[in-house]
Each structure stands twice: as C-alpha cells, then as structure tokens.
PDB file of all heavy atoms in Angstrom:
ATOM      1  N   PHE A   1      11.557   2.133  -7.790  1.00  0.00           N
ATOM      2  CA  PHE A   1      11.195   0.714  -8.016  1.00  0.00           C
ATOM      3  C   PHE A   1      10.292   0.239  -6.893  1.00  0.00           C
ATOM      4  O   PHE A   1       9.264  -0.355  -7.109  1.00  0.00           O
ATOM      5  CB  PHE A   1      12.469  -0.084  -8.119  1.00  0.00           C
ATOM      6  CG  PHE A   1      12.190  -1.580  -8.187  1.00  0.00           C
ATOM      7  CD1 PHE A   1      11.804  -2.084  -9.464  1.00  0.00           C
ATOM      8  CD2 PHE A   1      12.298  -2.417  -7.160  1.00  0.00           C
ATOM      9  CE1 PHE A   1      11.508  -3.468  -9.576  1.00  0.00           C
ATOM     10  CE2 PHE A   1      11.990  -3.775  -7.276  1.00  0.00           C
ATOM     11  CZ  PHE A   1      11.670  -4.230  -8.482  1.00  0.00           C
ATOM     12  N   PHE A   2      10.707   0.482  -5.654  1.00  0.00           N
ATOM     13  CA  PHE A   2       9.908   0.049  -4.505  1.00  0.00           C
ATOM     14  C   PHE A   2       8.640   0.823  -4.286  1.00  0.00           C
ATOM     15  O   PHE A   2       7.671   0.284  -3.714  1.00  0.00           O
ATOM     16  CB  PHE A   2      10.691   0.088  -3.190  1.00  0.00           C
ATOM     17  CG  PHE A   2      11.688  -1.051  -3.084  1.00  0.00           C
ATOM     18  CD1 PHE A   2      13.083  -0.804  -3.004  1.00  0.00           C
ATOM     19  CD2 PHE A   2      11.304  -2.295  -3.100  1.00  0.00           C
ATOM     20  CE1 PHE A   2      13.958  -1.781  -2.847  1.00  0.00           C
ATOM     21  CE2 PHE A   2      12.190  -3.369  -3.006  1.00  0.00           C
ATOM     22  CZ  PHE A   2      13.567  -3.111  -2.872  1.00  0.00           C
ATOM     23  N   ASN A   3       8.559   2.062  -4.862  1.00  0.00           N
ATOM     24  CA  ASN A   3       7.316   2.744  -4.799  1.00  0.00           C
ATOM     25  C   ASN A   3       6.299   2.202  -5.780  1.00  0.00           C
ATOM     26  O   ASN A   3       5.058   2.094  -5.471  1.00  0.00           O
ATOM     27  CB  ASN A   3       7.600   4.276  -5.051  1.00  0.00           C
ATOM     28  CG  ASN A   3       6.322   5.077  -4.744  1.00  0.00           C
ATOM     29  OD1 ASN A   3       5.683   4.934  -3.855  1.00  0.00           O
ATOM     30  ND2 ASN A   3       6.050   5.986  -5.718  1.00  0.00           N
ATOM     31  N   GLU A   4       6.677   1.887  -6.972  1.00  0.00           N
ATOM     32  CA  GLU A   4       5.772   1.475  -8.068  1.00  0.00           C
ATOM     33  C   GLU A   4       5.563  -0.052  -8.153  1.00  0.00           C
ATOM     34  O   GLU A   4       4.732  -0.510  -8.856  1.00  0.00           O
ATOM     35  CB  GLU A   4       6.232   2.032  -9.384  1.00  0.00           C
ATOM     36  CG  GLU A   4       6.213   3.506  -9.505  1.00  0.00           C
ATOM     37  CD  GLU A   4       4.813   4.107  -9.224  1.00  0.00           C
ATOM     38  OE1 GLU A   4       3.844   3.463  -9.749  1.00  0.00           O
ATOM     39  OE2 GLU A   4       4.689   5.110  -8.608  1.00  0.00           O
ATOM     40  N   THR A   5       6.390  -0.844  -7.443  1.00  0.00           N
ATOM     41  CA  THR A   5       6.266  -2.284  -7.458  1.00  0.00           C
ATOM     42  C   THR A   5       4.837  -2.684  -6.825  1.00  0.00           C
ATOM     43  O   THR A   5       4.522  -2.075  -5.822  1.00  0.00           O
ATOM     44  CB  THR A   5       7.394  -2.963  -6.714  1.00  0.00           C
ATOM     45  OG1 THR A   5       8.562  -2.590  -7.316  1.00  0.00           O
ATOM     46  CG2 THR A   5       7.216  -4.474  -6.708  1.00  0.00           C
ATOM     47  N   PRO A   6       4.117  -3.526  -7.347  1.00  0.00           N
ATOM     48  CA  PRO A   6       2.888  -4.032  -6.744  1.00  0.00           C
ATOM     49  C   PRO A   6       3.194  -4.420  -5.316  1.00  0.00           C
ATOM     50  O   PRO A   6       4.104  -5.278  -5.105  1.00  0.00           O
ATOM     51  CB  PRO A   6       2.410  -5.191  -7.626  1.00  0.00           C
ATOM     52  CG  PRO A   6       3.022  -4.924  -8.969  1.00  0.00           C
ATOM     53  CD  PRO A   6       4.294  -4.306  -8.692  1.00  0.00           C
ATOM     54  N   GLY A   7       2.394  -3.945  -4.436  1.00  0.00           N
ATOM     55  CA  GLY A   7       2.600  -4.217  -2.981  1.00  0.00           C
ATOM     56  C   GLY A   7       3.604  -3.295  -2.396  1.00  0.00           C
ATOM     57  O   GLY A   7       3.962  -3.523  -1.185  1.00  0.00           O
ATOM     58  N   GLY A   8       4.081  -2.325  -3.117  1.00  0.00           N
ATOM     59  CA  GLY A   8       5.192  -1.453  -2.605  1.00  0.00           C
ATOM     60  C   GLY A   8       4.652  -0.307  -1.793  1.00  0.00           C
ATOM     61  O   GLY A   8       3.543  -0.310  -1.284  1.00  0.00           O
ATOM     62  N   PHE A   9       5.390   0.774  -1.685  1.00  0.00           N
ATOM     63  CA  PHE A   9       5.089   1.867  -0.828  1.00  0.00           C
ATOM     64  C   PHE A   9       3.802   2.524  -1.271  1.00  0.00           C
ATOM     65  O   PHE A   9       3.043   2.979  -0.372  1.00  0.00           O
ATOM     66  CB  PHE A   9       6.167   2.941  -0.907  1.00  0.00           C
ATOM     67  CG  PHE A   9       7.529   2.471  -0.354  1.00  0.00           C
ATOM     68  CD1 PHE A   9       8.761   2.753  -1.046  1.00  0.00           C
ATOM     69  CD2 PHE A   9       7.584   1.641   0.772  1.00  0.00           C
ATOM     70  CE1 PHE A   9       9.902   2.319  -0.484  1.00  0.00           C
ATOM     71  CE2 PHE A   9       8.780   1.188   1.272  1.00  0.00           C
ATOM     72  CZ  PHE A   9       9.972   1.495   0.634  1.00  0.00           C
ATOM     73  N   SER A  10       3.525   2.668  -2.600  1.00  0.00           N
ATOM     74  CA  SER A  10       2.307   3.403  -2.998  1.00  0.00           C
ATOM     75  C   SER A  10       1.058   2.552  -2.595  1.00  0.00           C
ATOM     76  O   SER A  10       0.001   3.129  -2.181  1.00  0.00           O
ATOM     77  CB  SER A  10       2.309   3.678  -4.486  1.00  0.00           C
ATOM     78  OG  SER A  10       2.379   2.458  -5.242  1.00  0.00           O
ATOM     79  N   ASP A  11       1.134   1.237  -2.699  1.00  0.00           N
ATOM     80  CA  ASP A  11      -0.058   0.408  -2.284  1.00  0.00           C
ATOM     81  C   ASP A  11      -0.131   0.466  -0.759  1.00  0.00           C
ATOM     82  O   ASP A  11      -1.283   0.390  -0.259  1.00  0.00           O
ATOM     83  CB  ASP A  11       0.197  -1.085  -2.720  1.00  0.00           C
ATOM     84  CG  ASP A  11      -0.059  -1.190  -4.182  1.00  0.00           C
ATOM     85  OD1 ASP A  11      -0.638  -0.265  -4.801  1.00  0.00           O
ATOM     86  OD2 ASP A  11       0.388  -2.271  -4.784  1.00  0.00           O
ATOM     87  N   TRP A  12       0.945   0.482  -0.019  1.00  0.00           N
ATOM     88  CA  TRP A  12       0.818   0.617   1.422  1.00  0.00           C
ATOM     89  C   TRP A  12       0.190   1.902   1.819  1.00  0.00           C
ATOM     90  O   TRP A  12      -0.710   1.961   2.711  1.00  0.00           O
ATOM     91  CB  TRP A  12       2.300   0.533   2.037  1.00  0.00           C
ATOM     92  CG  TRP A  12       2.347   0.629   3.452  1.00  0.00           C
ATOM     93  CD1 TRP A  12       2.041  -0.341   4.363  1.00  0.00           C
ATOM     94  CD2 TRP A  12       2.750   1.746   4.249  1.00  0.00           C
ATOM     95  NE1 TRP A  12       2.222   0.111   5.668  1.00  0.00           N
ATOM     96  CE2 TRP A  12       2.642   1.380   5.643  1.00  0.00           C
ATOM     97  CE3 TRP A  12       3.209   3.016   3.891  1.00  0.00           C
ATOM     98  CZ2 TRP A  12       2.980   2.304   6.649  1.00  0.00           C
ATOM     99  CZ3 TRP A  12       3.510   3.890   4.881  1.00  0.00           C
ATOM    100  CH2 TRP A  12       3.430   3.508   6.308  1.00  0.00           C
ATOM    101  N   ARG A  13       0.571   2.997   1.172  1.00  0.00           N
ATOM    102  CA  ARG A  13      -0.052   4.336   1.528  1.00  0.00           C
ATOM    103  C   ARG A  13      -1.569   4.281   1.154  1.00  0.00           C
ATOM    104  O   ARG A  13      -2.375   4.800   1.794  1.00  0.00           O
ATOM    105  CB  ARG A  13       0.644   5.481   0.696  1.00  0.00           C
ATOM    106  CG  ARG A  13       1.917   5.815   1.332  1.00  0.00           C
ATOM    107  CD  ARG A  13       2.463   7.107   0.750  1.00  0.00           C
ATOM    108  NE  ARG A  13       2.518   7.203  -0.707  1.00  0.00           N
ATOM    109  CZ  ARG A  13       3.499   6.805  -1.388  1.00  0.00           C
ATOM    110  NH1 ARG A  13       4.592   6.297  -0.873  1.00  0.00           N
ATOM    111  NH2 ARG A  13       3.428   6.882  -2.726  1.00  0.00           N
ATOM    112  N   MET A  14      -1.920   3.642   0.020  1.00  0.00           N
ATOM    113  CA  MET A  14      -3.341   3.544  -0.422  1.00  0.00           C
ATOM    114  C   MET A  14      -4.112   2.733   0.636  1.00  0.00           C
ATOM    115  O   MET A  14      -5.262   3.152   0.954  1.00  0.00           O
ATOM    116  CB  MET A  14      -3.467   2.946  -1.802  1.00  0.00           C
ATOM    117  CG  MET A  14      -4.835   2.802  -2.254  1.00  0.00           C
ATOM    118  SD  MET A  14      -5.703   4.368  -2.525  1.00  0.00           S
ATOM    119  CE  MET A  14      -4.901   4.858  -4.119  1.00  0.00           C
ATOM    120  N   SER A  15      -3.605   1.614   1.027  1.00  0.00           N
ATOM    121  CA  SER A  15      -4.345   0.813   2.005  1.00  0.00           C
ATOM    122  C   SER A  15      -4.496   1.559   3.325  1.00  0.00           C
ATOM    123  O   SER A  15      -5.547   1.362   4.000  1.00  0.00           O
ATOM    124  CB  SER A  15      -3.722  -0.540   2.189  1.00  0.00           C
ATOM    125  OG  SER A  15      -2.340  -0.469   2.604  1.00  0.00           O
ATOM    126  N   ARG A  16      -3.538   2.381   3.790  1.00  0.00           N
ATOM    127  CA  ARG A  16      -3.727   3.147   4.932  1.00  0.00           C
ATOM    128  C   ARG A  16      -4.793   4.253   4.755  1.00  0.00           C
ATOM    129  O   ARG A  16      -5.557   4.512   5.602  1.00  0.00           O
ATOM    130  CB  ARG A  16      -2.380   3.839   5.374  1.00  0.00           C
ATOM    131  CG  ARG A  16      -1.391   2.865   5.976  1.00  0.00           C
ATOM    132  CD  ARG A  16      -0.194   3.552   6.518  1.00  0.00           C
ATOM    133  NE  ARG A  16      -0.675   4.427   7.648  1.00  0.00           N
ATOM    134  CZ  ARG A  16       0.119   5.343   8.156  1.00  0.00           C
ATOM    135  NH1 ARG A  16       1.331   5.564   7.729  1.00  0.00           N
ATOM    136  NH2 ARG A  16      -0.291   6.124   9.183  1.00  0.00           N
ATOM    137  N   ALA A  17      -4.796   4.827   3.518  1.00  0.00           N
ATOM    138  CA  ALA A  17      -5.819   5.845   3.255  1.00  0.00           C
ATOM    139  C   ALA A  17      -7.252   5.224   3.161  1.00  0.00           C
ATOM    140  O   ALA A  17      -8.189   5.916   3.596  1.00  0.00           O
ATOM    141  CB  ALA A  17      -5.532   6.512   1.908  1.00  0.00           C
ATOM    142  N   LEU A  18      -7.301   3.987   2.763  1.00  0.00           N
ATOM    143  CA  LEU A  18      -8.639   3.329   2.772  1.00  0.00           C
ATOM    144  C   LEU A  18      -8.950   2.737   4.115  1.00  0.00           C
ATOM    145  O   LEU A  18      -9.950   2.006   4.237  1.00  0.00           O
ATOM    146  CB  LEU A  18      -8.624   2.145   1.688  1.00  0.00           C
ATOM    147  CG  LEU A  18      -8.558   2.672   0.232  1.00  0.00           C
ATOM    148  CD1 LEU A  18      -8.322   1.501  -0.623  1.00  0.00           C
ATOM    149  CD2 LEU A  18      -9.786   3.503  -0.105  1.00  0.00           C
ATOM    150  N   GLU A  19      -8.103   2.874   5.070  1.00  0.00           N
ATOM    151  CA  GLU A  19      -8.257   2.345   6.424  1.00  0.00           C
ATOM    152  C   GLU A  19      -8.367   0.823   6.471  1.00  0.00           C
ATOM    153  O   GLU A  19      -9.160   0.281   7.245  1.00  0.00           O
ATOM    154  CB  GLU A  19      -9.475   3.011   7.128  1.00  0.00           C
ATOM    155  CG  GLU A  19      -9.342   4.510   7.285  1.00  0.00           C
ATOM    156  CD  GLU A  19     -10.480   5.181   7.907  1.00  0.00           C
ATOM    157  OE1 GLU A  19     -11.449   4.473   8.279  1.00  0.00           O
ATOM    158  OE2 GLU A  19     -10.391   6.345   8.155  1.00  0.00           O
ATOM    159  N   LEU A  20      -7.558   0.156   5.701  1.00  0.00           N
ATOM    160  CA  LEU A  20      -7.449  -1.247   5.692  1.00  0.00           C
ATOM    161  C   LEU A  20      -6.386  -1.540   6.777  1.00  0.00           C
ATOM    162  O   LEU A  20      -5.249  -1.173   6.576  1.00  0.00           O
ATOM    163  CB  LEU A  20      -7.000  -1.836   4.359  1.00  0.00           C
ATOM    164  CG  LEU A  20      -7.981  -1.550   3.173  1.00  0.00           C
ATOM    165  CD1 LEU A  20      -7.411  -2.071   1.934  1.00  0.00           C
ATOM    166  CD2 LEU A  20      -9.301  -2.246   3.514  1.00  0.00           C
ATOM    167  N   LYS A  21      -6.740  -2.252   7.795  1.00  0.00           N
ATOM    168  CA  LYS A  21      -5.860  -2.457   8.938  1.00  0.00           C
ATOM    169  C   LYS A  21      -5.061  -3.743   8.744  1.00  0.00           C
ATOM    170  O   LYS A  21      -5.637  -4.793   8.539  1.00  0.00           O
ATOM    171  CB  LYS A  21      -6.641  -2.528  10.232  1.00  0.00           C
ATOM    172  CG  LYS A  21      -7.279  -1.171  10.489  1.00  0.00           C
ATOM    173  CD  LYS A  21      -7.985  -1.193  11.859  1.00  0.00           C
ATOM    174  CE  LYS A  21      -8.947  -0.112  11.990  1.00  0.00           C
ATOM    175  NZ  LYS A  21      -8.653   1.185  12.278  1.00  0.00           N
ATOM    176  N   GLY A  22      -3.779  -3.635   8.817  1.00  0.00           N
ATOM    177  CA  GLY A  22      -2.909  -4.819   8.883  1.00  0.00           C
ATOM    178  C   GLY A  22      -2.758  -5.554   7.608  1.00  0.00           C
ATOM    179  O   GLY A  22      -2.126  -6.551   7.480  1.00  0.00           O
ATOM    180  N   ILE A  23      -3.322  -5.080   6.458  1.00  0.00           N
ATOM    181  CA  ILE A  23      -3.135  -5.734   5.174  1.00  0.00           C
ATOM    182  C   ILE A  23      -2.756  -4.730   4.118  1.00  0.00           C
ATOM    183  O   ILE A  23      -3.103  -3.524   4.283  1.00  0.00           O
ATOM    184  CB  ILE A  23      -4.428  -6.531   4.714  1.00  0.00           C
ATOM    185  CG1 ILE A  23      -5.569  -5.552   4.479  1.00  0.00           C
ATOM    186  CG2 ILE A  23      -4.733  -7.636   5.581  1.00  0.00           C
ATOM    187  CD1 ILE A  23      -6.750  -6.196   3.787  1.00  0.00           C
ATOM    188  N   ARG A  24      -2.165  -5.185   3.023  1.00  0.00           N
ATOM    189  CA  ARG A  24      -1.930  -4.384   1.903  1.00  0.00           C
ATOM    190  C   ARG A  24      -2.872  -4.680   0.890  1.00  0.00           C
ATOM    191  O   ARG A  24      -3.630  -5.603   0.931  1.00  0.00           O
ATOM    192  CB  ARG A  24      -0.436  -4.621   1.427  1.00  0.00           C
ATOM    193  CG  ARG A  24       0.614  -4.132   2.351  1.00  0.00           C
ATOM    194  CD  ARG A  24       1.913  -4.247   1.738  1.00  0.00           C
ATOM    195  NE  ARG A  24       2.927  -3.710   2.676  1.00  0.00           N
ATOM    196  CZ  ARG A  24       4.187  -3.679   2.413  1.00  0.00           C
ATOM    197  NH1 ARG A  24       4.649  -4.257   1.337  1.00  0.00           N
ATOM    198  NH2 ARG A  24       4.985  -3.176   3.267  1.00  0.00           N
ATOM    199  N   ILE A  25      -2.908  -3.807  -0.124  1.00  0.00           N
ATOM    200  CA  ILE A  25      -3.829  -4.011  -1.220  1.00  0.00           C
ATOM    201  C   ILE A  25      -3.402  -5.346  -1.908  1.00  0.00           C
ATOM    202  O   ILE A  25      -2.240  -5.452  -2.375  1.00  0.00           O
ATOM    203  CB  ILE A  25      -3.817  -2.858  -2.211  1.00  0.00           C
ATOM    204  CG1 ILE A  25      -4.340  -1.682  -1.482  1.00  0.00           C
ATOM    205  CG2 ILE A  25      -4.584  -3.179  -3.497  1.00  0.00           C
ATOM    206  CD1 ILE A  25      -4.293  -0.350  -2.272  1.00  0.00           C
TER     207      ILE A  25
END
C-alpha cells in the first residue's frame, strides 16, 4: 500500500533517480 500510494515509496525512489532534491513527485 505505501509503495503504490501516490507520493509513496516508489515516487520517492523515482524523484531520487531524477535527482529532484528535497521534493517528491
């Protein structure tokens, strides 16, 4: 649930991969 929820773990990993600093998707 927390992985697939918008703003969850998968979005956090994606924003790190896109090198977005300090924000989530």
